[in-house]
């Protein structure tokens, strides 16, 4: 019986690893694509007086006006962002071959990816007027490299399933909840509702603008409720929250393609929205990963 359980556990750990691997690869591919071909919010940091003026004044010994008018600085930043995109692209190969790559290299690359994605979220936070909801909605994305590395090192390599009372599982709940609450704050109108949200609802469900806003309000409330359900001490209640999060996370990911791609424009339209589609894979795959942990513990540990 023990041998059978070990074999099943090996299959489960492998499947959970694959879910995280696909999720992280898609995320990094989407962000690398964005860095190398689309606009990013990094200028909000590099051209913000609070953050950059001391650097320009005391490190580079020039004034703010000369800095703004110097085309070489702009070219340097564009080159830097492209290099970051190439780095994220190369990081994908580390994730693919993580089983054979020295631990120090894989850890360094994944932690660097985390810091880069965290900095990106911070730049979005600046760009959107220092709205905390804008920052926390990227929690799943910038945490993904760390989640992948931690699971690989502490669970996959030793053929072990995370237990439901572990710090790791609690961390998963936190970043999932933050992501969906961050989205919800925009959907319910706590912050101004992004036009792209309204457009996607109108195109996806063929409703009026007023109908789209009402639907967003409903979904926003459900997002908050589902996020809070993850912390209720009854397993079945938590699973209800996860069911909703997985389904809605998947639908909002697919909506980036379904609602926005104009097939009449061909590849031009696809390449504009494909990064937005790929970078949201963690929004439903990491909840699927957590559900897999729940399923294993419920059906094997508790019954075994």
Protein backbone atom coordinates (compact mmCIF):
# COMPACT_ATOMS: atom_id res chain seq x y z
CA UNK A 1 0.00 0.00 0.00
CA UNK A 2 2.83 2.39 0.87
CA UNK A 3 4.47 1.70 -2.49
CA UNK A 4 1.21 2.46 -4.29
CA UNK A 5 0.78 5.73 -2.36
CA UNK A 6 4.37 6.74 -3.20
CA UNK A 7 3.78 6.05 -6.88
CA UNK A 8 0.57 8.08 -6.91
CA UNK A 9 2.29 10.86 -4.99
CA UNK A 10 5.08 10.94 -7.57
CA UNK A 11 2.51 11.36 -10.35
CA UNK A 12 0.73 14.13 -8.45
CA UNK A 13 3.93 16.05 -7.66
CA UNK A 14 4.91 15.79 -11.32
CA UNK A 15 1.54 17.09 -12.51
CA UNK A 16 1.61 19.97 -10.05
CA UNK A 17 5.14 20.81 -11.19
CA UNK A 18 3.97 20.83 -14.83
CA UNK A 19 1.13 23.21 -13.99
CA UNK A 20 3.55 25.68 -12.40
CA UNK A 21 6.03 25.22 -15.23
CA UNK A 22 3.46 26.04 -17.92
CA UNK A 23 2.12 28.97 -15.89
CA UNK A 24 5.55 30.53 -15.34
CA UNK A 25 6.73 29.97 -18.91
CA UNK A 26 3.59 31.61 -20.34
CA UNK A 27 3.95 34.56 -17.96
CA UNK A 28 7.62 35.19 -18.78
CA UNK A 29 6.99 34.77 -22.51
CA UNK A 30 4.17 37.32 -22.36
CA UNK A 31 6.22 39.83 -20.40
CA UNK A 32 9.31 39.31 -22.57
CA UNK A 33 7.14 39.89 -25.64
CA UNK A 34 5.77 43.06 -24.06
CA UNK A 35 9.22 44.37 -23.17
CA UNK A 36 10.59 43.80 -26.65
CA UNK A 37 7.65 44.99 -28.72
CA UNK A 38 5.16 47.05 -26.72
CA UNK A 39 5.07 50.02 -24.38
CA UNK A 40 5.86 49.54 -20.71
CA UNK A 41 5.31 51.78 -17.67
CA UNK A 42 9.02 51.99 -16.80
CA UNK A 43 9.14 55.61 -17.94
CA UNK A 44 6.84 56.43 -15.00
CA UNK A 45 9.77 55.57 -12.73
CA UNK A 46 12.70 56.77 -14.82
CA UNK A 47 11.07 60.15 -15.46
CA UNK A 48 9.59 60.64 -11.99
CA UNK A 49 11.29 63.48 -10.11
CA UNK A 50 10.96 61.90 -6.67
CA UNK A 51 12.83 58.75 -7.69
CA UNK A 52 15.26 59.97 -10.33
CA UNK A 53 16.09 63.59 -9.55
CA UNK A 54 18.52 62.73 -6.69
CA UNK A 55 20.25 60.21 -8.98
CA UNK A 56 20.51 62.69 -11.83
CA UNK A 57 21.69 65.49 -9.53
CA UNK A 58 24.16 63.73 -7.27
CA UNK A 59 25.31 60.69 -9.25
CA UNK A 60 25.40 61.95 -12.82
CA UNK A 61 25.99 65.61 -11.92
CA UNK A 62 23.46 67.09 -14.30
CA UNK A 63 20.13 68.88 -13.95
CA UNK A 64 16.60 67.63 -14.53
CA UNK A 65 16.01 69.70 -17.68
CA UNK A 66 19.12 68.38 -19.41
CA UNK A 67 18.16 64.86 -18.38
CA UNK A 68 14.68 65.20 -19.95
CA UNK A 69 16.06 66.64 -23.17
CA UNK A 70 18.88 64.14 -23.55
CA UNK A 71 17.94 61.61 -26.23
CA UNK A 72 20.77 59.32 -25.17
CA UNK A 73 19.07 58.66 -21.85
CA UNK A 74 15.87 57.62 -23.63
CA UNK A 75 17.81 55.34 -25.96
CA UNK A 76 19.60 53.81 -22.97
CA UNK A 77 16.30 53.04 -21.23
CA UNK A 78 14.82 51.50 -24.38
CA UNK A 79 17.90 49.31 -24.74
CA UNK A 80 17.72 48.35 -21.07
CA UNK A 81 14.06 47.33 -21.36
CA UNK A 82 14.84 45.25 -24.45
CA UNK A 83 17.67 43.54 -22.55
CA UNK A 84 15.28 42.80 -19.70
CA UNK A 85 12.91 41.24 -22.21
CA UNK A 86 15.71 39.07 -23.58
CA UNK A 87 16.60 38.05 -20.02
CA UNK A 88 13.01 36.95 -19.31
CA UNK A 89 13.01 35.04 -22.59
CA UNK A 90 16.22 33.25 -21.64
CA UNK A 91 14.76 32.54 -18.18
CA UNK A 92 12.21 30.30 -19.88
CA UNK A 93 14.99 27.89 -20.84
CA UNK A 94 16.07 27.77 -17.20
CA UNK A 95 12.53 26.80 -16.21
CA UNK A 96 12.36 24.15 -18.92
CA UNK A 97 15.69 22.63 -17.92
CA UNK A 98 15.54 23.34 -14.19
CA UNK A 99 16.02 19.67 -13.28
CA UNK A 100 19.47 19.64 -14.88
CA UNK A 101 20.65 23.19 -14.22
CA UNK A 102 22.81 23.89 -11.12
CA UNK A 103 20.70 25.09 -8.23
CA UNK A 104 22.57 28.38 -7.80
CA UNK A 105 21.96 29.35 -11.43
CA UNK A 106 18.25 28.49 -11.43
CA UNK A 107 17.72 30.23 -8.10
CA UNK A 108 19.55 33.37 -9.25
CA UNK A 109 17.61 33.56 -12.52
CA UNK A 110 14.21 32.98 -10.91
CA UNK A 111 14.86 35.49 -8.12
CA UNK A 112 16.04 38.05 -10.69
CA UNK A 113 12.82 37.43 -12.66
CA UNK A 114 10.83 38.00 -9.49
CA UNK A 115 12.55 41.33 -8.76
CA UNK A 116 12.09 42.48 -12.36
CA UNK A 117 8.36 41.63 -12.33
CA UNK A 118 8.00 43.24 -8.90
CA UNK A 119 9.62 46.40 -10.25
CA UNK A 120 7.26 46.30 -13.23
CA UNK A 121 4.26 46.12 -10.86
CA UNK A 122 5.69 49.05 -8.91
CA UNK A 123 5.99 51.06 -12.14
CA UNK A 124 2.34 50.29 -12.97
CA UNK A 125 1.51 51.47 -9.45
CA UNK A 126 3.26 54.80 -10.14
CA UNK A 127 1.78 55.08 -13.63
CA UNK A 128 -1.78 54.69 -12.32
CA UNK A 129 -1.49 57.37 -9.67
CA UNK A 130 -0.19 55.31 -6.74
CA UNK A 131 -3.32 53.16 -6.47
CA UNK A 132 -2.56 50.21 -4.24
CA UNK A 133 -5.07 48.03 -6.08
CA UNK A 134 -3.04 48.44 -9.26
CA UNK A 135 0.02 47.03 -7.51
CA UNK A 136 -1.58 44.09 -5.67
CA UNK A 137 -3.40 42.82 -8.76
CA UNK A 138 0.03 41.73 -10.06
CA UNK A 139 0.75 39.66 -6.94
CA UNK A 140 0.26 36.33 -8.72
CA UNK A 141 2.44 37.41 -11.61
CA UNK A 142 5.47 38.71 -9.76
CA UNK A 143 5.27 35.86 -7.24
CA UNK A 144 5.17 33.14 -9.91
CA UNK A 145 8.96 32.64 -10.28
CA UNK A 146 9.29 32.31 -6.49
CA UNK A 147 6.37 29.88 -6.27
CA UNK A 148 7.88 27.75 -9.02
CA UNK A 149 11.34 27.74 -7.44
CA UNK A 150 10.06 27.02 -3.92
CA UNK A 151 7.85 24.13 -5.02
CA UNK A 152 10.61 22.64 -7.13
CA UNK A 153 13.20 22.81 -4.34
CA UNK A 154 11.10 21.90 -1.30
CA UNK A 155 8.46 19.55 -2.70
CA UNK A 156 9.05 18.25 -6.23
CA UNK A 157 12.69 17.21 -5.70
CA UNK A 158 11.78 15.25 -2.56
CA UNK A 159 8.50 13.87 -3.95
CA UNK A 160 6.34 15.59 -1.35
CA UNK A 161 2.92 17.27 -1.55
CA UNK A 162 2.51 20.57 0.38
CA UNK A 163 0.24 20.12 3.38
CA UNK A 164 -2.78 22.34 3.76
CA UNK A 165 -1.48 23.98 6.93
CA UNK A 166 1.91 24.90 5.50
CA UNK A 167 3.20 28.45 5.11
CA UNK A 168 3.54 27.81 1.37
CA UNK A 169 -0.18 27.09 0.96
CA UNK A 170 -1.07 30.17 3.01
CA UNK A 171 1.21 32.27 0.79
CA UNK A 172 -0.61 30.92 -2.29
CA UNK A 173 -3.93 31.98 -0.79
CA UNK A 174 -2.56 35.46 -0.05
CA UNK A 175 -1.28 36.17 -3.58
CA UNK A 176 -4.41 34.72 -5.21
CA UNK A 177 -6.64 36.82 -2.96
CA UNK A 178 -4.62 39.99 -3.54
CA UNK A 179 -4.79 39.56 -7.31
CA UNK A 180 -8.56 39.14 -7.40
CA UNK A 181 -9.24 41.85 -4.84
CA UNK A 182 -7.00 44.20 -6.83
CA UNK A 183 -9.05 43.50 -9.97
CA UNK A 184 -12.27 43.86 -8.00
CA UNK A 185 -11.42 47.36 -6.76
CA UNK A 186 -11.48 48.53 -10.38
CA UNK A 187 -14.52 46.46 -11.35
CA UNK A 188 -16.72 47.81 -8.52
CA UNK A 189 -15.70 51.38 -9.22
CA UNK A 190 -13.60 52.02 -6.12
CA UNK A 191 -11.03 53.18 -8.67
CA UNK A 192 -12.12 54.48 -12.10
CA UNK A 193 -13.23 51.52 -14.20
CA UNK A 194 -10.71 50.94 -17.03
CA UNK A 195 -12.22 51.37 -20.47
CA UNK A 196 -10.68 48.07 -21.55
CA UNK A 197 -12.76 46.27 -18.89
CA UNK A 198 -15.99 47.78 -20.22
CA UNK A 199 -15.05 47.11 -23.86
CA UNK A 200 -14.28 43.45 -23.15
CA UNK A 201 -17.59 42.93 -21.37
CA UNK A 202 -19.52 44.64 -24.19
CA UNK A 203 -17.78 42.59 -26.89
CA UNK A 204 -17.92 39.31 -24.97
CA UNK A 205 -21.54 39.48 -23.79
CA UNK A 206 -23.11 41.90 -26.31
CA UNK A 207 -24.50 44.20 -23.61
CA UNK A 208 -24.80 47.96 -23.33
CA UNK A 209 -22.29 50.12 -21.50
CA UNK A 210 -24.63 50.35 -18.51
CA UNK A 211 -25.09 46.57 -18.59
CA UNK A 212 -21.32 46.10 -18.73
CA UNK A 213 -20.84 48.30 -15.65
CA UNK A 214 -23.53 46.40 -13.74
CA UNK A 215 -21.94 43.08 -14.69
CA UNK A 216 -18.52 44.35 -13.63
CA UNK A 217 -19.95 45.43 -10.28
CA UNK A 218 -21.43 41.96 -9.75
CA UNK A 219 -18.22 40.22 -10.76
CA UNK A 220 -16.15 42.57 -8.59
CA UNK A 221 -18.21 41.71 -5.52
CA UNK A 222 -17.91 37.99 -6.34
CA UNK A 223 -14.13 38.40 -6.73
CA UNK A 224 -13.87 39.81 -3.22
CA UNK A 225 -16.17 37.17 -1.75
CA UNK A 226 -14.26 34.33 -3.47
CA UNK A 227 -10.93 35.72 -2.24
CA UNK A 228 -12.21 35.88 1.35
CA UNK A 229 -13.63 32.34 1.13
CA UNK A 230 -10.07 31.03 0.76
CA UNK A 231 -9.49 31.87 4.43
CA UNK A 232 -12.65 30.32 5.86
CA UNK A 233 -11.59 27.32 8.01
CA UNK A 234 -13.87 24.87 6.18
CA UNK A 235 -12.27 23.10 3.23
CA UNK A 236 -15.44 22.80 1.12
CA UNK A 237 -16.09 26.54 1.48
CA UNK A 238 -12.54 27.27 0.31
CA UNK A 239 -13.07 25.01 -2.69
CA UNK A 240 -16.17 26.99 -3.70
CA UNK A 241 -14.02 30.12 -3.77
CA UNK A 242 -11.39 28.30 -5.82
CA UNK A 243 -13.98 27.02 -8.33
CA UNK A 244 -15.05 30.58 -9.03
CA UNK A 245 -11.49 31.93 -9.16
CA UNK A 246 -10.33 29.24 -11.59
CA UNK A 247 -13.29 29.71 -13.93
CA UNK A 248 -13.26 33.49 -13.88
CA UNK A 249 -9.46 33.63 -14.09
CA UNK A 250 -9.57 31.44 -17.18
CA UNK A 251 -12.39 33.43 -18.81
CA UNK A 252 -10.69 36.79 -18.25
CA UNK A 253 -7.47 35.37 -19.69
CA UNK A 254 -9.18 34.04 -22.83
CA UNK A 255 -11.17 37.30 -23.13
CA UNK A 256 -7.96 39.13 -24.00
CA UNK A 257 -7.96 37.23 -27.28
CA UNK A 258 -11.68 36.63 -27.78
CA UNK A 259 -12.83 40.21 -27.20
CA UNK A 260 -9.92 42.15 -28.67
CA UNK A 261 -8.36 40.29 -31.59
CA UNK A 262 -9.60 41.42 -34.99
CA UNK A 263 -8.96 38.54 -37.33
CA UNK A 264 -9.34 40.87 -40.27
CA UNK A 265 -6.11 42.51 -39.20
CA UNK A 266 -4.38 39.13 -39.00
CA UNK A 267 -1.10 38.76 -37.16
CA UNK A 268 -0.87 42.47 -36.34
CA UNK A 269 -3.91 42.21 -34.07
CA UNK A 270 -2.85 38.88 -32.59
CA UNK A 271 0.61 40.10 -31.60
CA UNK A 272 -0.92 43.13 -29.88
CA UNK A 273 -2.99 40.98 -27.53
CA UNK A 274 -1.09 37.70 -27.28
CA UNK A 275 1.23 39.03 -24.52
CA UNK A 276 -1.83 40.12 -22.49
CA UNK A 277 -3.21 36.58 -22.88
CA UNK A 278 -0.01 34.76 -21.94
CA UNK A 279 0.92 36.84 -18.90
CA UNK A 280 -2.41 36.00 -17.24
CA UNK A 281 -1.90 32.24 -17.16
CA UNK A 282 -0.98 32.38 -13.44
CA UNK A 283 -4.42 33.88 -12.71
CA UNK A 284 -6.06 30.49 -13.28
CA UNK A 285 -3.21 27.95 -13.28
CA UNK A 286 -1.89 28.78 -9.80
CA UNK A 287 -5.44 28.43 -8.38
CA UNK A 288 -5.61 25.09 -10.26
CA UNK A 289 -2.31 24.19 -8.60
CA UNK A 290 -3.75 25.03 -5.16
CA UNK A 291 -6.87 23.02 -5.93
CA UNK A 292 -4.64 20.07 -6.83
CA UNK A 293 -3.02 20.31 -3.39
CA UNK A 294 -6.48 20.35 -1.79
CA UNK A 295 -7.58 17.34 -3.84
CA UNK A 296 -4.52 15.28 -2.93
CA UNK A 297 -4.73 16.02 0.79
CA UNK A 298 -8.48 15.37 0.91
CA UNK A 299 -8.37 12.08 -0.94
CA UNK A 300 -5.09 10.57 0.25
CA UNK A 301 -3.69 12.09 3.42
CA UNK A 302 -6.96 12.49 5.30
CA UNK A 303 -8.29 9.10 4.15
CA UNK A 304 -4.95 7.33 4.33
